[in-house]
Amino acid sequence: MKRISLLIIGLFLCYIIYYDFQIGTLPAFSMTNSVETRTSSVNNEKSPTIPYFEVKIKQGDTVLSIIERFHGTLPTSIEQIIEDFEALNENVKAESILLGETYRFPDYKQ
């Protein structure tokens, strides 16, 4: 009985590992689905014109993950990204973005 239980537990663990590697437990995002680019610029009293793109937030998105997905790597310091994001989106903190909302993200490609 112990051998059968160990065999079942072992097979279950193998399945879990296989599932995590093949499918994963976090949703996968493709750049074309999650980044809707509309490049514009915003005038802000504190900083010069900041070009931006807009993205509708999906499950698992963070400010840094969206910037990294859009640019490939982080183009500038984390502090600068957060400061620019909060300048583009008044009354919104970078750590409190909401699922399903559309926000402006700084575009550093230019």
N, C-alpha and C. Protein backbone atom coordinates (compact mmCIF):
# COMPACT_ATOMS: atom_id res chain seq x y z
N MET A 1 0.82 -1.19 0.00
CA MET A 1 0.00 0.00 0.00
C MET A 1 0.87 1.26 0.00
N LYS A 2 1.99 1.23 0.76
CA LYS A 2 2.88 2.37 0.81
C LYS A 2 3.51 2.61 -0.56
N ARG A 3 3.87 1.56 -1.24
CA ARG A 3 4.51 1.69 -2.55
C ARG A 3 3.55 2.32 -3.56
N ILE A 4 2.31 1.93 -3.52
CA ILE A 4 1.32 2.50 -4.44
C ILE A 4 1.11 3.98 -4.13
N SER A 5 1.03 4.32 -2.85
CA SER A 5 0.86 5.72 -2.46
C SER A 5 2.05 6.56 -2.90
N LEU A 6 3.27 6.04 -2.69
CA LEU A 6 4.46 6.76 -3.12
C LEU A 6 4.51 6.89 -4.64
N LEU A 7 4.10 5.88 -5.36
CA LEU A 7 4.07 5.94 -6.81
C LEU A 7 3.08 7.01 -7.30
N ILE A 8 1.90 7.04 -6.70
CA ILE A 8 0.89 8.04 -7.07
C ILE A 8 1.38 9.45 -6.76
N ILE A 9 1.98 9.64 -5.58
CA ILE A 9 2.51 10.95 -5.21
C ILE A 9 3.65 11.36 -6.15
N GLY A 10 4.51 10.43 -6.47
CA GLY A 10 5.61 10.72 -7.40
C GLY A 10 5.11 11.10 -8.78
N LEU A 11 4.12 10.37 -9.31
CA LEU A 11 3.54 10.71 -10.61
C LEU A 11 2.86 12.07 -10.57
N PHE A 12 2.18 12.38 -9.48
CA PHE A 12 1.52 13.66 -9.34
C PHE A 12 2.55 14.80 -9.32
N LEU A 13 3.64 14.64 -8.60
CA LEU A 13 4.69 15.65 -8.57
C LEU A 13 5.32 15.84 -9.94
N CYS A 14 5.54 14.75 -10.67
CA CYS A 14 6.08 14.86 -12.03
C CYS A 14 5.12 15.63 -12.93
N TYR A 15 3.82 15.38 -12.80
CA TYR A 15 2.84 16.09 -13.59
C TYR A 15 2.84 17.59 -13.25
N ILE A 16 2.92 17.91 -11.98
CA ILE A 16 2.94 19.31 -11.55
C ILE A 16 4.16 20.03 -12.14
N ILE A 17 5.31 19.41 -12.08
CA ILE A 17 6.53 20.01 -12.62
C ILE A 17 6.41 20.17 -14.13
N TYR A 18 5.91 19.14 -14.81
CA TYR A 18 5.72 19.22 -16.25
C TYR A 18 4.75 20.35 -16.60
N TYR A 19 3.67 20.47 -15.89
CA TYR A 19 2.66 21.50 -16.15
C TYR A 19 3.27 22.90 -15.97
N ASP A 20 4.03 23.10 -14.91
CA ASP A 20 4.65 24.41 -14.68
C ASP A 20 5.64 24.78 -15.78
N PHE A 21 6.40 23.82 -16.25
CA PHE A 21 7.36 24.13 -17.30
C PHE A 21 6.70 24.33 -18.66
N GLN A 22 5.69 23.57 -18.97
CA GLN A 22 5.05 23.65 -20.29
C GLN A 22 4.02 24.76 -20.39
N ILE A 23 3.16 24.89 -19.40
CA ILE A 23 2.04 25.83 -19.46
C ILE A 23 2.26 26.98 -18.50
N GLY A 24 2.72 26.69 -17.32
CA GLY A 24 2.97 27.72 -16.32
C GLY A 24 1.73 28.02 -15.51
N THR A 25 1.94 28.68 -14.40
CA THR A 25 0.82 29.04 -13.55
C THR A 25 0.48 30.51 -13.67
N LEU A 26 1.35 31.32 -14.27
CA LEU A 26 1.06 32.72 -14.51
C LEU A 26 0.61 32.90 -15.96
N PRO A 27 -0.29 33.84 -16.20
CA PRO A 27 -0.74 34.04 -17.58
C PRO A 27 0.39 34.57 -18.45
N ALA A 28 0.45 34.10 -19.66
CA ALA A 28 1.46 34.56 -20.60
C ALA A 28 0.91 35.74 -21.38
N PHE A 29 1.76 36.72 -21.60
CA PHE A 29 1.34 37.91 -22.34
C PHE A 29 2.19 38.04 -23.58
N SER A 30 1.56 38.40 -24.65
CA SER A 30 2.32 38.73 -25.84
C SER A 30 2.31 40.23 -26.01
N MET A 31 3.35 40.75 -26.62
CA MET A 31 3.49 42.20 -26.74
C MET A 31 2.35 42.80 -27.55
N THR A 32 1.86 42.09 -28.54
CA THR A 32 0.81 42.65 -29.38
C THR A 32 -0.52 42.74 -28.65
N ASN A 33 -0.78 41.86 -27.71
CA ASN A 33 -2.05 41.88 -27.00
C ASN A 33 -2.10 42.88 -25.87
N SER A 34 -1.00 43.10 -25.19
CA SER A 34 -1.07 43.89 -23.98
C SER A 34 -0.62 45.34 -24.15
N VAL A 35 0.10 45.65 -25.20
CA VAL A 35 0.58 47.01 -25.36
C VAL A 35 -0.14 47.65 -26.54
N GLU A 36 -1.01 48.58 -26.21
CA GLU A 36 -1.67 49.35 -27.25
C GLU A 36 -0.92 50.67 -27.32
N THR A 37 -0.17 50.88 -28.36
CA THR A 37 0.66 52.06 -28.40
C THR A 37 -0.06 53.21 -29.09
N ARG A 38 -0.18 54.26 -28.36
CA ARG A 38 -0.61 55.54 -28.89
C ARG A 38 0.38 56.55 -28.36
N THR A 39 1.32 56.93 -29.17
CA THR A 39 2.37 57.82 -28.72
C THR A 39 1.86 59.25 -28.74
N SER A 40 2.09 59.93 -27.65
CA SER A 40 1.73 61.33 -27.50
C SER A 40 2.72 61.97 -26.57
N SER A 41 2.46 63.20 -26.23
CA SER A 41 3.28 63.87 -25.24
C SER A 41 2.40 64.68 -24.33
N VAL A 42 2.87 64.84 -23.09
CA VAL A 42 2.12 65.56 -22.07
C VAL A 42 3.03 66.65 -21.52
N ASN A 43 2.48 67.84 -21.36
CA ASN A 43 3.23 68.92 -20.72
C ASN A 43 2.98 68.85 -19.23
N ASN A 44 4.03 68.90 -18.47
CA ASN A 44 3.95 68.83 -17.02
C ASN A 44 4.79 69.97 -16.46
N GLU A 45 4.32 70.61 -15.39
CA GLU A 45 5.03 71.74 -14.81
C GLU A 45 6.40 71.33 -14.27
N LYS A 46 6.50 70.12 -13.71
CA LYS A 46 7.74 69.69 -13.07
C LYS A 46 8.79 69.23 -14.08
N SER A 47 8.38 68.67 -15.20
CA SER A 47 9.33 68.11 -16.14
C SER A 47 8.99 68.53 -17.56
N PRO A 48 9.93 68.38 -18.46
CA PRO A 48 9.65 68.73 -19.85
C PRO A 48 8.67 67.73 -20.47
N THR A 49 8.40 67.87 -21.73
CA THR A 49 7.48 67.00 -22.44
C THR A 49 7.92 65.54 -22.31
N ILE A 50 6.98 64.70 -21.91
CA ILE A 50 7.27 63.27 -21.73
C ILE A 50 6.46 62.49 -22.77
N PRO A 51 7.12 61.84 -23.73
CA PRO A 51 6.37 61.00 -24.66
C PRO A 51 5.85 59.77 -23.91
N TYR A 52 4.70 59.26 -24.33
CA TYR A 52 4.12 58.13 -23.63
C TYR A 52 3.36 57.21 -24.57
N PHE A 53 3.03 56.03 -24.07
CA PHE A 53 2.13 55.09 -24.74
C PHE A 53 1.14 54.62 -23.70
N GLU A 54 -0.02 54.18 -24.15
CA GLU A 54 -1.07 53.76 -23.23
C GLU A 54 -1.23 52.25 -23.27
N VAL A 55 -1.48 51.69 -22.08
CA VAL A 55 -1.65 50.24 -21.95
C VAL A 55 -2.82 49.96 -21.02
N LYS A 56 -3.65 49.00 -21.41
CA LYS A 56 -4.71 48.53 -20.52
C LYS A 56 -4.12 47.43 -19.66
N ILE A 57 -4.24 47.57 -18.35
CA ILE A 57 -3.60 46.66 -17.40
C ILE A 57 -4.32 45.31 -17.40
N LYS A 58 -3.51 44.25 -17.49
CA LYS A 58 -4.03 42.89 -17.40
C LYS A 58 -3.44 42.22 -16.17
N GLN A 59 -3.96 41.07 -15.83
CA GLN A 59 -3.52 40.36 -14.63
C GLN A 59 -2.02 40.09 -14.69
N GLY A 60 -1.34 40.42 -13.61
CA GLY A 60 0.09 40.17 -13.51
C GLY A 60 0.96 41.33 -13.98
N ASP A 61 0.37 42.38 -14.56
CA ASP A 61 1.15 43.51 -15.05
C ASP A 61 1.60 44.41 -13.90
N THR A 62 2.81 44.92 -14.01
CA THR A 62 3.31 45.96 -13.13
C THR A 62 3.89 47.06 -14.02
N VAL A 63 4.15 48.19 -13.45
CA VAL A 63 4.72 49.29 -14.22
C VAL A 63 6.05 48.86 -14.84
N LEU A 64 6.89 48.24 -14.05
CA LEU A 64 8.21 47.83 -14.55
C LEU A 64 8.11 46.73 -15.59
N SER A 65 7.19 45.78 -15.42
CA SER A 65 7.07 44.69 -16.40
C SER A 65 6.57 45.22 -17.75
N ILE A 66 5.69 46.20 -17.72
CA ILE A 66 5.18 46.77 -18.98
C ILE A 66 6.28 47.57 -19.68
N ILE A 67 7.01 48.37 -18.94
CA ILE A 67 8.13 49.14 -19.52
C ILE A 67 9.17 48.18 -20.09
N GLU A 68 9.48 47.13 -19.35
CA GLU A 68 10.47 46.15 -19.80
C GLU A 68 9.99 45.41 -21.04
N ARG A 69 8.71 45.07 -21.10
CA ARG A 69 8.15 44.38 -22.26
C ARG A 69 8.17 45.29 -23.49
N PHE A 70 7.87 46.56 -23.30
CA PHE A 70 7.81 47.51 -24.40
C PHE A 70 9.20 47.83 -24.94
N HIS A 71 10.18 47.98 -24.06
CA HIS A 71 11.53 48.38 -24.45
C HIS A 71 12.52 47.22 -24.55
N GLY A 72 12.19 46.08 -24.03
CA GLY A 72 13.12 44.95 -24.02
C GLY A 72 13.90 44.85 -22.73
N THR A 73 14.40 45.96 -22.24
CA THR A 73 15.08 46.04 -20.95
C THR A 73 14.64 47.35 -20.30
N LEU A 74 15.05 47.56 -19.07
CA LEU A 74 14.73 48.84 -18.43
C LEU A 74 15.65 49.91 -19.01
N PRO A 75 15.09 50.91 -19.68
CA PRO A 75 15.91 51.90 -20.37
C PRO A 75 16.55 52.94 -19.45
N THR A 76 16.07 53.08 -18.23
CA THR A 76 16.58 54.06 -17.29
C THR A 76 16.41 53.52 -15.88
N SER A 77 16.68 54.33 -14.89
CA SER A 77 16.59 53.85 -13.52
C SER A 77 15.12 53.64 -13.10
N ILE A 78 14.93 52.77 -12.14
CA ILE A 78 13.59 52.47 -11.65
C ILE A 78 12.95 53.71 -11.06
N GLU A 79 13.73 54.50 -10.34
CA GLU A 79 13.20 55.72 -9.73
C GLU A 79 12.68 56.69 -10.79
N GLN A 80 13.42 56.82 -11.91
CA GLN A 80 13.02 57.71 -12.99
C GLN A 80 11.75 57.20 -13.66
N ILE A 81 11.65 55.90 -13.87
CA ILE A 81 10.45 55.31 -14.49
C ILE A 81 9.23 55.59 -13.62
N ILE A 82 9.35 55.35 -12.33
CA ILE A 82 8.22 55.56 -11.41
C ILE A 82 7.84 57.04 -11.36
N GLU A 83 8.84 57.91 -11.31
CA GLU A 83 8.57 59.36 -11.28
C GLU A 83 7.84 59.81 -12.55
N ASP A 84 8.30 59.33 -13.72
CA ASP A 84 7.66 59.69 -14.98
C ASP A 84 6.25 59.11 -15.08
N PHE A 85 6.06 57.87 -14.62
CA PHE A 85 4.73 57.25 -14.64
C PHE A 85 3.76 58.05 -13.79
N GLU A 86 4.18 58.44 -12.60
CA GLU A 86 3.30 59.19 -11.70
C GLU A 86 3.05 60.61 -12.22
N ALA A 87 4.00 61.16 -12.98
CA ALA A 87 3.78 62.48 -13.60
C ALA A 87 2.76 62.39 -14.73
N LEU A 88 2.78 61.29 -15.47
CA LEU A 88 1.84 61.10 -16.58
C LEU A 88 0.44 60.76 -16.09
N ASN A 89 0.34 60.10 -14.95
CA ASN A 89 -0.95 59.68 -14.40
C ASN A 89 -1.14 60.34 -13.04
N GLU A 90 -1.77 61.49 -13.06
CA GLU A 90 -1.96 62.24 -11.82
C GLU A 90 -2.80 61.45 -10.82
N ASN A 91 -2.45 61.56 -9.55
CA ASN A 91 -3.15 60.90 -8.44
C ASN A 91 -3.10 59.37 -8.52
N VAL A 92 -2.12 58.81 -9.22
CA VAL A 92 -1.97 57.36 -9.31
C VAL A 92 -0.55 57.01 -8.88
N LYS A 93 -0.45 56.13 -7.89
CA LYS A 93 0.85 55.63 -7.47
C LYS A 93 1.22 54.41 -8.32
N ALA A 94 2.48 54.24 -8.61
CA ALA A 94 2.94 53.14 -9.47
C ALA A 94 2.61 51.78 -8.87
N GLU A 95 2.60 51.68 -7.55
CA GLU A 95 2.33 50.39 -6.91
C GLU A 95 0.85 50.10 -6.74
N SER A 96 -0.03 51.02 -7.15
CA SER A 96 -1.47 50.79 -6.95
C SER A 96 -2.26 50.88 -8.25
N ILE A 97 -1.69 50.34 -9.34
CA ILE A 97 -2.44 50.32 -10.59
C ILE A 97 -3.52 49.25 -10.51
N LEU A 98 -4.62 49.48 -11.23
CA LEU A 98 -5.78 48.60 -11.14
C LEU A 98 -5.97 47.80 -12.42
N LEU A 99 -6.40 46.58 -12.26
CA LEU A 99 -6.68 45.67 -13.35
C LEU A 99 -7.79 46.24 -14.22
N GLY A 100 -7.61 46.25 -15.54
CA GLY A 100 -8.63 46.70 -16.47
C GLY A 100 -8.59 48.19 -16.77
N GLU A 101 -7.80 48.96 -16.03
CA GLU A 101 -7.69 50.40 -16.28
C GLU A 101 -6.61 50.66 -17.33
N THR A 102 -6.71 51.79 -18.01
CA THR A 102 -5.71 52.18 -19.00
C THR A 102 -4.87 53.31 -18.41
N TYR A 103 -3.56 53.16 -18.49
CA TYR A 103 -2.64 54.14 -17.94
C TYR A 103 -1.63 54.56 -19.01
N ARG A 104 -1.01 55.70 -18.78
CA ARG A 104 0.05 56.20 -19.65
C ARG A 104 1.39 55.78 -19.08
N PHE A 105 2.25 55.29 -19.95
CA PHE A 105 3.59 54.85 -19.55
C PHE A 105 4.61 55.64 -20.35
N PRO A 106 5.71 56.07 -19.70
CA PRO A 106 6.72 56.85 -20.42
C PRO A 106 7.38 56.04 -21.53
N ASP A 107 7.58 56.69 -22.66
CA ASP A 107 8.20 56.07 -23.83
C ASP A 107 9.62 56.62 -23.95
N TYR A 108 10.62 55.78 -23.72
CA TYR A 108 12.01 56.21 -23.74
C TYR A 108 12.70 55.89 -25.05
N LYS A 109 11.96 55.46 -26.06
CA LYS A 109 12.59 55.08 -27.33
C LYS A 109 13.11 56.27 -28.12
N GLN A 110 12.61 57.44 -27.85
CA GLN A 110 12.99 58.60 -28.66
C GLN A 110 14.25 59.25 -28.21
